[in-house]
Amino acid sequence: MGILETVMAVLVSLTGTSWVAPHNTHQTIEFKTSQVSGNAGCNRFFGTYKQTENTLKINSLATTRMACQPDVMKHELQFLTTLNKTSTVEVTDATLTLKDAKGAVLTVLARKNVG
């Protein structure tokens, strides 16, 4: 990827996009104007977010309270923790990379085809 493509990738608005975890297609996230929602694997989640260029802060996540198998709940907790730790993002046509405050990659999500 060239320098111009890298710069373009981090300046894309997340509003109106949907993403899925490639390793667990039950984990999804959708961004609407200042609102975020999705499925953490067992439970639905929702909250707010603020994006400024390549910074992303997900706030006030709430979830439904269904109980699932212990391994599903473990992966769900990991996914929600990742969302809460996210500080910056890199967006391409196909992927959304979530990174922590030090720039370490937390996870890479795939664009979800809507329609």
N, C-alpha and C. Protein backbone atom coordinates (compact mmCIF):
# COMPACT_ATOMS: atom_id res chain seq x y z
N MET A 1 0.84 -1.16 0.00
CA MET A 1 0.00 0.00 0.00
C MET A 1 0.89 1.23 0.00
N GLY A 2 0.61 2.18 -0.86
CA GLY A 2 1.40 3.39 -0.95
C GLY A 2 1.05 4.38 0.15
N ILE A 3 1.84 5.43 0.25
CA ILE A 3 1.63 6.45 1.28
C ILE A 3 0.27 7.10 1.12
N LEU A 4 -0.10 7.48 -0.10
CA LEU A 4 -1.39 8.14 -0.32
C LEU A 4 -2.53 7.21 0.09
N GLU A 5 -2.45 5.92 -0.23
CA GLU A 5 -3.50 4.98 0.14
C GLU A 5 -3.60 4.86 1.65
N THR A 6 -2.49 4.86 2.35
CA THR A 6 -2.49 4.77 3.80
C THR A 6 -3.16 5.99 4.41
N VAL A 7 -2.84 7.18 3.92
CA VAL A 7 -3.45 8.41 4.42
C VAL A 7 -4.94 8.38 4.14
N MET A 8 -5.34 7.97 2.95
CA MET A 8 -6.75 7.91 2.61
C MET A 8 -7.48 6.92 3.50
N ALA A 9 -6.83 5.83 3.85
CA ALA A 9 -7.47 4.78 4.63
C ALA A 9 -7.88 5.27 6.01
N VAL A 10 -7.11 6.11 6.65
CA VAL A 10 -7.40 6.50 8.02
C VAL A 10 -8.34 7.69 8.11
N LEU A 11 -8.71 8.29 7.01
CA LEU A 11 -9.58 9.46 7.04
C LEU A 11 -11.02 9.15 6.68
N VAL A 12 -11.38 7.88 6.54
CA VAL A 12 -12.71 7.47 6.13
C VAL A 12 -13.65 7.47 7.33
N SER A 13 -14.84 8.03 7.15
CA SER A 13 -15.86 8.01 8.20
C SER A 13 -16.43 6.61 8.34
N LEU A 14 -16.67 6.19 9.57
CA LEU A 14 -17.26 4.90 9.83
C LEU A 14 -18.79 4.92 9.72
N THR A 15 -19.38 6.10 9.72
CA THR A 15 -20.84 6.22 9.66
C THR A 15 -21.39 5.48 8.45
N GLY A 16 -22.37 4.62 8.70
CA GLY A 16 -23.01 3.87 7.63
C GLY A 16 -22.31 2.58 7.25
N THR A 17 -21.31 2.17 8.04
CA THR A 17 -20.59 0.94 7.71
C THR A 17 -20.91 -0.16 8.70
N SER A 18 -20.76 -1.40 8.24
CA SER A 18 -20.96 -2.59 9.07
C SER A 18 -19.77 -3.52 8.88
N TRP A 19 -19.38 -4.20 9.97
CA TRP A 19 -18.18 -5.03 9.98
C TRP A 19 -18.46 -6.33 10.70
N VAL A 20 -17.68 -7.36 10.37
CA VAL A 20 -17.83 -8.67 10.98
C VAL A 20 -16.45 -9.20 11.33
N ALA A 21 -16.38 -9.92 12.45
CA ALA A 21 -15.11 -10.56 12.84
C ALA A 21 -14.91 -11.78 11.96
N PRO A 22 -13.83 -11.85 11.19
CA PRO A 22 -13.63 -12.97 10.28
C PRO A 22 -13.56 -14.33 10.98
N HIS A 23 -13.06 -14.35 12.20
CA HIS A 23 -12.93 -15.60 12.95
C HIS A 23 -14.21 -16.00 13.67
N ASN A 24 -15.20 -15.09 13.74
CA ASN A 24 -16.46 -15.36 14.43
C ASN A 24 -17.54 -14.49 13.80
N THR A 25 -18.24 -15.03 12.82
CA THR A 25 -19.21 -14.23 12.07
C THR A 25 -20.42 -13.82 12.89
N HIS A 26 -20.52 -14.30 14.13
CA HIS A 26 -21.59 -13.85 15.01
C HIS A 26 -21.25 -12.49 15.64
N GLN A 27 -19.98 -12.10 15.59
CA GLN A 27 -19.55 -10.82 16.15
C GLN A 27 -19.57 -9.77 15.05
N THR A 28 -20.44 -8.79 15.24
CA THR A 28 -20.61 -7.73 14.23
C THR A 28 -20.63 -6.38 14.91
N ILE A 29 -20.37 -5.35 14.12
CA ILE A 29 -20.47 -3.97 14.61
C ILE A 29 -20.96 -3.09 13.48
N GLU A 30 -21.88 -2.19 13.80
CA GLU A 30 -22.44 -1.27 12.81
C GLU A 30 -22.36 0.15 13.37
N PHE A 31 -21.93 1.07 12.52
CA PHE A 31 -21.78 2.47 12.91
C PHE A 31 -22.85 3.30 12.21
N LYS A 32 -23.64 4.02 12.97
CA LYS A 32 -24.56 5.01 12.45
C LYS A 32 -24.09 6.34 13.01
N THR A 33 -24.73 7.41 12.67
CA THR A 33 -24.31 8.72 13.16
C THR A 33 -24.26 8.72 14.68
N SER A 34 -23.07 8.72 15.23
CA SER A 34 -22.75 8.73 16.66
C SER A 34 -23.26 7.51 17.44
N GLN A 35 -23.90 6.56 16.80
CA GLN A 35 -24.42 5.37 17.45
C GLN A 35 -23.69 4.13 16.93
N VAL A 36 -23.38 3.21 17.84
CA VAL A 36 -22.75 1.95 17.47
C VAL A 36 -23.60 0.82 18.05
N SER A 37 -23.71 -0.26 17.29
CA SER A 37 -24.46 -1.42 17.77
C SER A 37 -23.92 -2.66 17.09
N GLY A 38 -24.32 -3.81 17.57
CA GLY A 38 -23.88 -5.05 16.95
C GLY A 38 -24.16 -6.24 17.83
N ASN A 39 -23.49 -7.33 17.49
CA ASN A 39 -23.62 -8.57 18.23
C ASN A 39 -22.23 -8.96 18.72
N ALA A 40 -22.11 -9.22 20.01
CA ALA A 40 -20.82 -9.56 20.60
C ALA A 40 -20.56 -11.07 20.56
N GLY A 41 -21.49 -11.83 20.04
CA GLY A 41 -21.33 -13.28 19.95
C GLY A 41 -22.53 -14.00 20.51
N CYS A 42 -23.05 -13.49 21.61
CA CYS A 42 -24.25 -14.02 22.24
C CYS A 42 -25.26 -12.88 22.42
N ASN A 43 -24.79 -11.79 22.96
CA ASN A 43 -25.64 -10.64 23.27
C ASN A 43 -25.46 -9.51 22.28
N ARG A 44 -26.52 -8.73 22.11
CA ARG A 44 -26.48 -7.52 21.31
C ARG A 44 -25.87 -6.42 22.20
N PHE A 45 -25.17 -5.48 21.57
CA PHE A 45 -24.63 -4.34 22.30
C PHE A 45 -25.00 -3.06 21.55
N PHE A 46 -24.94 -1.95 22.27
CA PHE A 46 -25.24 -0.65 21.68
C PHE A 46 -24.61 0.42 22.54
N GLY A 47 -24.34 1.54 21.94
CA GLY A 47 -23.73 2.65 22.65
C GLY A 47 -23.47 3.79 21.70
N THR A 48 -22.53 4.63 22.07
CA THR A 48 -22.19 5.80 21.25
C THR A 48 -20.71 5.74 20.90
N TYR A 49 -20.35 6.50 19.89
CA TYR A 49 -18.95 6.60 19.51
C TYR A 49 -18.67 7.99 18.97
N LYS A 50 -17.39 8.33 19.00
CA LYS A 50 -16.93 9.57 18.40
C LYS A 50 -15.68 9.25 17.60
N GLN A 51 -15.72 9.64 16.33
CA GLN A 51 -14.56 9.45 15.45
C GLN A 51 -14.07 10.82 15.00
N THR A 52 -12.78 11.03 15.14
CA THR A 52 -12.12 12.22 14.62
C THR A 52 -10.92 11.73 13.84
N GLU A 53 -11.03 11.84 12.51
CA GLU A 53 -10.01 11.29 11.61
C GLU A 53 -9.77 9.83 11.96
N ASN A 54 -8.58 9.46 12.41
CA ASN A 54 -8.33 8.05 12.68
C ASN A 54 -8.47 7.68 14.16
N THR A 55 -8.94 8.61 15.00
CA THR A 55 -9.18 8.26 16.40
C THR A 55 -10.63 7.81 16.56
N LEU A 56 -10.82 6.86 17.44
CA LEU A 56 -12.16 6.33 17.69
C LEU A 56 -12.31 6.07 19.17
N LYS A 57 -13.37 6.61 19.75
CA LYS A 57 -13.69 6.37 21.15
C LYS A 57 -15.11 5.81 21.21
N ILE A 58 -15.22 4.57 21.68
CA ILE A 58 -16.52 3.94 21.85
C ILE A 58 -16.92 4.11 23.31
N ASN A 59 -18.09 4.69 23.54
CA ASN A 59 -18.53 5.05 24.89
C ASN A 59 -19.79 4.30 25.30
N SER A 60 -19.96 4.15 26.57
CA SER A 60 -21.23 3.73 27.17
C SER A 60 -21.84 2.51 26.53
N LEU A 61 -21.06 1.45 26.33
CA LEU A 61 -21.62 0.23 25.76
C LEU A 61 -22.53 -0.46 26.77
N ALA A 62 -23.68 -0.86 26.29
CA ALA A 62 -24.62 -1.64 27.09
C ALA A 62 -24.92 -2.91 26.29
N THR A 63 -25.26 -3.98 26.98
CA THR A 63 -25.56 -5.24 26.30
C THR A 63 -26.85 -5.83 26.84
N THR A 64 -27.43 -6.71 26.02
CA THR A 64 -28.50 -7.54 26.54
C THR A 64 -27.86 -8.51 27.53
N ARG A 65 -28.64 -9.28 28.25
CA ARG A 65 -28.09 -10.10 29.34
C ARG A 65 -28.42 -11.58 29.18
N MET A 66 -28.31 -12.11 27.97
CA MET A 66 -28.55 -13.54 27.77
C MET A 66 -27.31 -14.33 28.17
N ALA A 67 -27.53 -15.53 28.64
CA ALA A 67 -26.42 -16.42 28.98
C ALA A 67 -26.24 -17.44 27.86
N CYS A 68 -25.00 -17.69 27.51
CA CYS A 68 -24.66 -18.67 26.47
C CYS A 68 -23.60 -19.61 27.03
N GLN A 69 -23.12 -20.48 26.19
CA GLN A 69 -22.07 -21.41 26.58
C GLN A 69 -20.85 -20.62 27.09
N PRO A 70 -20.12 -21.17 28.07
CA PRO A 70 -18.97 -20.47 28.64
C PRO A 70 -17.94 -20.01 27.61
N ASP A 71 -17.64 -20.82 26.60
CA ASP A 71 -16.65 -20.41 25.60
C ASP A 71 -17.17 -19.25 24.76
N VAL A 72 -18.47 -19.22 24.48
CA VAL A 72 -19.06 -18.11 23.73
C VAL A 72 -18.99 -16.83 24.57
N MET A 73 -19.30 -16.95 25.84
CA MET A 73 -19.26 -15.79 26.74
C MET A 73 -17.83 -15.26 26.88
N LYS A 74 -16.85 -16.15 26.90
CA LYS A 74 -15.44 -15.74 26.98
C LYS A 74 -15.05 -14.91 25.76
N HIS A 75 -15.41 -15.40 24.57
CA HIS A 75 -15.09 -14.66 23.34
C HIS A 75 -15.86 -13.34 23.26
N GLU A 76 -17.08 -13.34 23.78
CA GLU A 76 -17.88 -12.12 23.81
C GLU A 76 -17.19 -11.06 24.68
N LEU A 77 -16.75 -11.46 25.85
CA LEU A 77 -16.06 -10.53 26.75
C LEU A 77 -14.80 -9.98 26.10
N GLN A 78 -14.05 -10.83 25.42
CA GLN A 78 -12.85 -10.38 24.71
C GLN A 78 -13.19 -9.35 23.64
N PHE A 79 -14.26 -9.59 22.88
CA PHE A 79 -14.68 -8.67 21.83
C PHE A 79 -15.08 -7.31 22.42
N LEU A 80 -15.89 -7.32 23.46
CA LEU A 80 -16.32 -6.07 24.09
C LEU A 80 -15.14 -5.33 24.71
N THR A 81 -14.20 -6.05 25.30
CA THR A 81 -12.99 -5.43 25.85
C THR A 81 -12.19 -4.77 24.74
N THR A 82 -12.08 -5.43 23.61
CA THR A 82 -11.38 -4.86 22.46
C THR A 82 -12.02 -3.55 22.03
N LEU A 83 -13.34 -3.52 21.95
CA LEU A 83 -14.03 -2.30 21.55
C LEU A 83 -13.76 -1.17 22.54
N ASN A 84 -13.76 -1.50 23.83
CA ASN A 84 -13.50 -0.48 24.85
C ASN A 84 -12.07 0.02 24.84
N LYS A 85 -11.13 -0.81 24.42
CA LYS A 85 -9.71 -0.42 24.38
C LYS A 85 -9.34 0.32 23.11
N THR A 86 -10.21 0.31 22.12
CA THR A 86 -9.88 0.92 20.83
C THR A 86 -9.63 2.41 20.97
N SER A 87 -8.54 2.85 20.38
CA SER A 87 -8.15 4.26 20.41
C SER A 87 -8.03 4.83 19.00
N THR A 88 -7.50 4.02 18.07
CA THR A 88 -7.37 4.48 16.69
C THR A 88 -7.84 3.37 15.75
N VAL A 89 -8.15 3.79 14.52
CA VAL A 89 -8.62 2.84 13.51
C VAL A 89 -7.90 3.10 12.20
N GLU A 90 -7.86 2.05 11.40
CA GLU A 90 -7.40 2.16 10.02
C GLU A 90 -8.47 1.49 9.17
N VAL A 91 -9.01 2.22 8.21
CA VAL A 91 -10.11 1.74 7.40
C VAL A 91 -9.66 1.61 5.95
N THR A 92 -9.95 0.46 5.35
CA THR A 92 -9.76 0.27 3.92
C THR A 92 -11.11 -0.16 3.35
N ASP A 93 -11.15 -0.41 2.05
CA ASP A 93 -12.39 -0.88 1.45
C ASP A 93 -12.87 -2.18 2.07
N ALA A 94 -11.96 -3.02 2.49
CA ALA A 94 -12.32 -4.36 2.95
C ALA A 94 -12.15 -4.60 4.44
N THR A 95 -11.34 -3.78 5.13
CA THR A 95 -11.04 -4.06 6.53
C THR A 95 -11.12 -2.84 7.43
N LEU A 96 -11.39 -3.12 8.69
CA LEU A 96 -11.35 -2.12 9.76
C LEU A 96 -10.40 -2.67 10.81
N THR A 97 -9.28 -1.99 11.00
CA THR A 97 -8.29 -2.41 11.99
C THR A 97 -8.46 -1.55 13.23
N LEU A 98 -8.69 -2.19 14.36
CA LEU A 98 -8.83 -1.50 15.63
C LEU A 98 -7.50 -1.59 16.37
N LYS A 99 -7.02 -0.43 16.87
CA LYS A 99 -5.74 -0.38 17.56
C LYS A 99 -5.90 0.28 18.92
N ASP A 100 -5.00 -0.09 19.84
CA ASP A 100 -5.03 0.52 21.17
C ASP A 100 -4.26 1.85 21.15
N ALA A 101 -4.14 2.47 22.31
CA ALA A 101 -3.49 3.78 22.41
C ALA A 101 -2.03 3.77 22.01
N LYS A 102 -1.38 2.60 22.09
CA LYS A 102 0.03 2.49 21.71
C LYS A 102 0.20 2.10 20.25
N GLY A 103 -0.92 1.90 19.54
CA GLY A 103 -0.85 1.54 18.13
C GLY A 103 -0.82 0.05 17.87
N ALA A 104 -0.93 -0.75 18.92
CA ALA A 104 -0.95 -2.21 18.74
C ALA A 104 -2.30 -2.64 18.17
N VAL A 105 -2.27 -3.56 17.23
CA VAL A 105 -3.50 -4.06 16.61
C VAL A 105 -4.25 -4.92 17.61
N LEU A 106 -5.52 -4.56 17.83
CA LEU A 106 -6.39 -5.34 18.72
C LEU A 106 -7.14 -6.40 17.93
N THR A 107 -7.66 -6.02 16.77
CA THR A 107 -8.36 -6.96 15.89
C THR A 107 -8.54 -6.32 14.53
N VAL A 108 -8.80 -7.16 13.54
CA VAL A 108 -9.10 -6.71 12.19
C VAL A 108 -10.45 -7.29 11.81
N LEU A 109 -11.37 -6.42 11.43
CA LEU A 109 -12.71 -6.83 11.04
C LEU A 109 -12.86 -6.71 9.53
N ALA A 110 -13.76 -7.49 8.97
CA ALA A 110 -14.02 -7.45 7.52
C ALA A 110 -15.31 -6.67 7.26
N ARG A 111 -15.32 -5.93 6.14
CA ARG A 111 -16.53 -5.18 5.79
C ARG A 111 -17.66 -6.17 5.55
N LYS A 112 -18.81 -5.86 6.12
CA LYS A 112 -19.98 -6.70 5.97
C LYS A 112 -20.79 -6.18 4.80
N ASN A 113 -21.11 -7.04 3.87
CA ASN A 113 -21.92 -6.63 2.74
C ASN A 113 -23.36 -6.49 3.20
N VAL A 114 -23.92 -5.31 2.98
CA VAL A 114 -25.28 -5.03 3.39
C VAL A 114 -26.16 -5.09 2.14
N GLY A 115 -27.31 -5.71 2.29
CA GLY A 115 -28.23 -5.71 1.16
C GLY A 115 -28.80 -6.99 0.83
